[in-house]
Amino acid sequence: MTADRTAVVTGAASPRGIGRATALLLAGQGWNIGILDIDAVGGKSLAAEITAQYNVTAYAVGADVSNETEVRTAIDELEAALPPLAALANIAGVSSPVPYLELTSDEWHRVINTNLNGVHYVTRRVAESMVRHNYGRIVSVSSTSAQLGGGTYSKTPYSVAKAGVIGLTRALARELGPFGITVNAVAPGPIDTDIMGGPLTPTRRAALIDNLLTTRLGQPDDIAYAIAFLLSDQSTYITGHTLNADGGLYMH
């Protein structure tokens, strides 16, 4: 199924991130991988690693997901270099621990533009390709912050953007379903990545775990497995859904 298809992964260049874990997992499952990341050098390094380790094609393009022109140019390049774009994992994002009453307009727009508008820009362009093939799997990373209003590291603009991702997911599931495209989201809880503000101290790690029903903090692979399932043909009857992968932080 995957040998002649490509999964596009945004935000894959971070060495301790969900994007990297997802790209490696999907490559191991036989997907060709298109990487879109603001860190062009890191993206190309990961593409080379994937090509050397797995029997798939990987190609990376540098682009800022908050810039629609850059996104469209980058996806054009990925589409020309790789087999048909059949899956998309929207993972690129930025954090923001700034309290609301100290928030500047620039910070608000930085977070919203990357975490919500960026998902829209990438999805809009990739969906054009998927519609032509009457097939697609789209998964975007939201957050339990969208459901709890924060509570882990980032605050208001992050929560707002990630709530927008859930709304966008539901709306697109309705609009794109007739074209053979499913659209879902994954909402991680606290995951041990640099988006949490860097490596966690033992005290902070223990405090985060205290809020979980599990006895450990989440790892990038935990979220990568959830994303990979929703991108697979085992999930063909699931769309418009937000899958919480949060160690029981938010139960609803």
Protein backbone atom coordinates (compact mmCIF):
# COMPACT_ATOMS: atom_id res chain seq x y z
CA MET A 1 0.00 0.00 0.00
CA THR A 2 2.64 2.51 1.02
CA ALA A 3 5.44 1.69 -1.42
CA ASP A 4 4.10 3.96 -4.13
CA ARG A 5 2.76 6.65 -1.80
CA THR A 6 4.23 9.49 0.21
CA ALA A 7 3.55 10.75 3.71
CA VAL A 8 4.35 14.42 4.27
CA VAL A 9 5.54 15.25 7.78
CA THR A 10 5.94 18.83 8.97
CA GLY A 11 8.21 19.77 11.84
CA ALA A 12 10.36 16.65 11.59
CA ALA A 13 13.83 18.13 11.99
CA SER A 14 13.93 18.52 15.79
CA PRO A 15 16.18 15.78 17.20
CA ARG A 16 13.84 15.12 20.18
CA GLY A 17 10.52 15.80 18.53
CA ILE A 18 7.31 14.04 17.61
CA GLY A 19 7.89 14.87 13.94
CA ARG A 20 11.17 13.00 13.76
CA ALA A 21 9.73 9.98 15.56
CA THR A 22 6.76 9.96 13.19
CA ALA A 23 8.87 10.24 10.05
CA LEU A 24 11.09 7.35 11.14
CA LEU A 25 8.14 5.17 12.13
CA LEU A 26 6.31 5.79 8.84
CA ALA A 27 9.47 5.11 6.85
CA GLY A 28 9.83 1.81 8.71
CA GLN A 29 6.28 0.97 7.63
CA GLY A 30 7.21 1.53 4.00
CA TRP A 31 6.02 5.08 3.39
CA ASN A 32 8.08 7.41 1.24
CA ILE A 33 8.65 10.53 3.31
CA GLY A 34 8.36 14.20 2.41
CA ILE A 35 9.78 16.46 5.12
CA LEU A 36 8.78 20.10 5.45
CA ASP A 37 10.58 22.04 8.17
CA ILE A 38 11.83 25.56 8.81
CA ASP A 39 15.19 23.93 9.61
CA ALA A 40 16.19 22.97 6.08
CA VAL A 41 19.56 21.56 7.12
CA GLY A 42 18.04 19.38 9.84
CA GLY A 43 15.32 18.21 7.46
CA LYS A 44 17.80 17.20 4.79
CA SER A 45 19.91 15.37 7.38
CA LEU A 46 16.88 13.35 8.46
CA ALA A 47 15.97 12.60 4.84
CA ALA A 48 19.48 11.25 4.27
CA GLU A 49 19.22 9.14 7.42
CA ILE A 50 15.89 7.69 6.32
CA THR A 51 17.17 6.93 2.82
CA ALA A 52 20.19 5.12 4.27
CA GLN A 53 18.21 3.16 6.86
CA TYR A 54 15.03 2.23 5.01
CA ASN A 55 14.22 1.10 1.50
CA VAL A 56 12.13 4.20 0.75
CA THR A 57 12.60 7.62 -0.82
CA ALA A 58 12.87 10.63 1.48
CA TYR A 59 13.06 14.26 0.41
CA ALA A 60 13.18 17.41 2.52
CA VAL A 61 12.33 21.03 1.80
CA GLY A 62 12.86 24.03 4.04
CA ALA A 63 9.80 26.19 4.62
CA ASP A 64 8.09 28.21 7.35
CA VAL A 65 4.58 26.76 7.70
CA SER A 66 3.27 30.18 8.75
CA ASN A 67 4.16 31.55 5.30
CA GLU A 68 1.60 30.40 2.73
CA THR A 69 3.79 31.23 -0.26
CA GLU A 70 6.69 29.20 1.13
CA VAL A 71 4.36 26.32 1.91
CA ARG A 72 2.89 26.14 -1.58
CA THR A 73 6.35 26.31 -3.18
CA ALA A 74 7.65 23.59 -0.85
CA ILE A 75 4.73 21.23 -1.46
CA ASP A 76 5.09 21.77 -5.20
CA GLU A 77 8.70 20.62 -4.88
CA LEU A 78 7.79 17.60 -2.76
CA GLU A 79 5.06 16.61 -5.20
CA ALA A 80 7.48 16.77 -8.13
CA ALA A 81 10.16 14.74 -6.34
CA LEU A 82 8.10 11.98 -4.72
CA PRO A 83 5.31 9.48 -5.40
CA PRO A 84 1.72 10.72 -4.86
CA LEU A 85 1.08 12.55 -1.60
CA ALA A 86 -1.32 10.24 0.21
CA ALA A 87 -0.81 11.14 3.88
CA LEU A 88 -0.09 14.27 5.88
CA ALA A 89 1.05 14.64 9.48
CA ASN A 90 0.80 18.26 10.63
CA ILE A 91 3.25 18.34 13.52
CA ALA A 92 5.16 21.64 13.22
CA GLY A 93 4.42 23.94 16.14
CA VAL A 94 5.78 26.44 18.64
CA SER A 95 5.18 26.82 22.36
CA SER A 96 4.43 29.94 24.40
CA PRO A 97 4.56 30.13 28.21
CA VAL A 98 3.81 33.89 28.29
CA PRO A 99 0.95 34.82 30.71
CA TYR A 100 -2.06 36.37 28.98
CA LEU A 101 -1.73 39.80 30.62
CA GLU A 102 1.89 39.98 29.50
CA LEU A 103 1.13 38.79 25.96
CA THR A 104 2.15 41.03 23.05
CA SER A 105 0.34 41.11 19.72
CA ASP A 106 3.49 39.84 18.04
CA GLU A 107 3.60 36.79 20.31
CA TRP A 108 -0.11 36.09 19.77
CA HIS A 109 0.27 36.19 16.00
CA ARG A 110 3.49 34.13 16.06
CA VAL A 111 1.78 31.26 17.86
CA ILE A 112 -1.53 31.39 15.96
CA ASN A 113 0.18 31.74 12.59
CA THR A 114 2.38 28.69 13.15
CA ASN A 115 0.09 26.38 15.10
CA LEU A 116 -3.21 27.04 13.33
CA ASN A 117 -2.67 28.96 10.10
CA GLY A 118 0.29 26.72 9.32
CA VAL A 119 -1.90 23.62 9.58
CA HIS A 120 -4.40 25.26 7.24
CA TYR A 121 -1.79 26.30 4.66
CA VAL A 122 -0.15 22.88 4.48
CA THR A 123 -3.42 20.96 4.53
CA ARG A 124 -4.98 23.16 1.85
CA ARG A 125 -2.14 22.52 -0.58
CA VAL A 126 -1.73 18.80 0.15
CA ALA A 127 -5.50 18.25 -0.05
CA GLU A 128 -5.43 19.55 -3.63
CA SER A 129 -3.12 16.67 -4.50
CA MET A 130 -5.15 14.12 -2.52
CA VAL A 131 -8.40 15.10 -4.23
CA ARG A 132 -6.86 14.35 -7.62
CA HIS A 133 -6.16 10.78 -6.48
CA ASN A 134 -9.42 10.40 -4.53
CA TYR A 135 -7.48 9.21 -1.48
CA GLY A 136 -5.91 10.81 1.56
CA ARG A 137 -5.17 10.54 5.26
CA ILE A 138 -4.65 13.74 7.24
CA VAL A 139 -3.68 13.91 10.92
CA SER A 140 -2.94 17.14 12.76
CA VAL A 141 -1.43 17.45 16.21
CA SER A 142 -3.61 19.36 18.65
CA SER A 143 -3.06 19.22 22.43
CA THR A 144 -4.86 18.55 25.68
CA SER A 145 -4.15 22.26 26.25
CA ALA A 146 -7.02 22.86 23.81
CA GLN A 147 -9.35 20.96 26.14
CA LEU A 148 -7.95 22.10 29.47
CA GLY A 149 -7.03 25.68 28.63
CA GLY A 150 -3.34 25.09 29.24
CA GLY A 151 -1.91 23.45 32.31
CA THR A 152 1.29 21.87 31.01
CA TYR A 153 3.68 24.54 29.67
CA SER A 154 2.12 26.80 27.06
CA LYS A 155 -0.67 29.21 27.79
CA THR A 156 -3.53 31.05 26.04
CA PRO A 157 -2.49 31.52 22.38
CA TYR A 158 -1.24 27.94 22.21
CA SER A 159 -4.49 26.60 23.69
CA VAL A 160 -6.54 28.73 21.30
CA ALA A 161 -4.56 27.58 18.25
CA LYS A 162 -4.75 23.93 19.24
CA ALA A 163 -8.51 24.23 19.84
CA GLY A 164 -8.72 25.67 16.33
CA VAL A 165 -6.96 22.58 15.01
CA ILE A 166 -9.74 20.41 16.46
CA GLY A 167 -12.41 22.59 14.83
CA LEU A 168 -10.56 22.57 11.53
CA THR A 169 -10.25 18.78 11.72
CA ARG A 170 -13.99 18.32 12.13
CA ALA A 171 -14.89 20.77 9.38
CA LEU A 172 -12.44 19.24 6.91
CA ALA A 173 -13.65 15.72 7.71
CA ARG A 174 -17.06 16.82 6.44
CA GLU A 175 -15.78 18.63 3.37
CA LEU A 176 -13.11 16.19 2.26
CA GLY A 177 -14.86 12.92 3.07
CA PRO A 178 -16.54 12.69 -0.36
CA PHE A 179 -13.06 12.66 -1.93
CA GLY A 180 -11.91 9.58 -0.03
CA ILE A 181 -9.98 11.63 2.54
CA THR A 182 -10.15 11.09 6.29
CA VAL A 183 -9.15 13.90 8.65
CA ASN A 184 -8.32 13.34 12.32
CA ALA A 185 -6.32 14.89 15.14
CA VAL A 186 -4.15 13.63 17.96
CA ALA A 187 -4.11 15.52 21.26
CA PRO A 188 -0.95 14.75 23.23
CA GLY A 189 -0.58 15.42 26.91
CA PRO A 190 2.84 16.28 28.36
CA ILE A 191 5.49 14.72 26.13
CA ASP A 192 9.21 14.79 26.84
CA THR A 193 10.25 17.05 23.95
CA ASP A 194 11.95 20.42 23.69
CA ILE A 195 8.61 22.15 23.00
CA MET A 196 8.00 21.73 26.74
CA GLY A 197 10.65 24.38 27.29
CA GLY A 198 13.76 22.26 27.00
CA PRO A 199 14.93 19.16 28.90
CA LEU A 200 12.83 18.58 32.02
CA THR A 201 14.31 18.82 35.49
CA PRO A 202 13.57 15.91 37.87
CA THR A 203 11.26 18.17 39.91
CA ARG A 204 9.25 19.32 36.91
CA ARG A 205 9.07 15.82 35.48
CA ALA A 206 7.70 14.49 38.78
CA ALA A 207 5.10 17.28 38.93
CA LEU A 208 3.86 16.49 35.42
CA ILE A 209 3.64 12.76 36.13
CA ASP A 210 1.59 13.48 39.27
CA ASN A 211 -1.24 14.71 37.00
CA LEU A 212 -1.24 11.53 34.88
CA LEU A 213 -2.93 8.17 35.34
CA THR A 214 0.15 6.50 33.92
CA THR A 215 3.39 6.26 35.87
CA ARG A 216 5.50 7.91 33.19
CA LEU A 217 5.74 10.94 30.98
CA GLY A 218 4.88 10.50 27.31
CA GLN A 219 7.61 10.01 24.72
CA PRO A 220 7.62 11.09 21.05
CA ASP A 221 7.11 7.47 19.93
CA ASP A 222 3.84 7.31 21.90
CA ILE A 223 2.39 10.03 19.70
CA ALA A 224 4.02 8.74 16.53
CA TYR A 225 2.22 5.39 16.94
CA ALA A 226 -1.13 7.17 17.31
CA ILE A 227 -0.48 9.28 14.21
CA ALA A 228 0.67 6.26 12.19
CA PHE A 229 -2.50 4.36 13.07
CA LEU A 230 -4.74 7.21 11.91
CA LEU A 231 -2.74 7.45 8.67
CA SER A 232 -3.08 3.73 8.01
CA ASP A 233 -5.75 1.72 6.21
CA GLN A 234 -6.70 0.23 9.59
CA SER A 235 -8.44 3.55 10.37
CA THR A 236 -10.56 3.93 7.24
CA TYR A 237 -13.81 4.25 9.23
CA ILE A 238 -12.47 6.92 11.60
CA THR A 239 -12.73 10.58 10.64
CA GLY A 240 -13.41 13.87 12.38
CA HIS A 241 -12.03 12.36 15.58
CA THR A 242 -9.55 13.71 18.12
CA LEU A 243 -7.56 10.91 19.72
CA ASN A 244 -6.21 11.82 23.14
CA ALA A 245 -2.78 10.32 23.77
CA ASP A 246 -2.19 11.91 27.14
CA GLY A 247 -1.65 9.31 29.84
CA GLY A 248 -5.16 9.98 31.13
CA LEU A 249 -4.60 13.69 31.75
CA TYR A 250 -7.94 14.61 30.19
CA MET A 251 -10.84 12.16 30.34
CA HIS A 252 -14.14 13.16 28.77
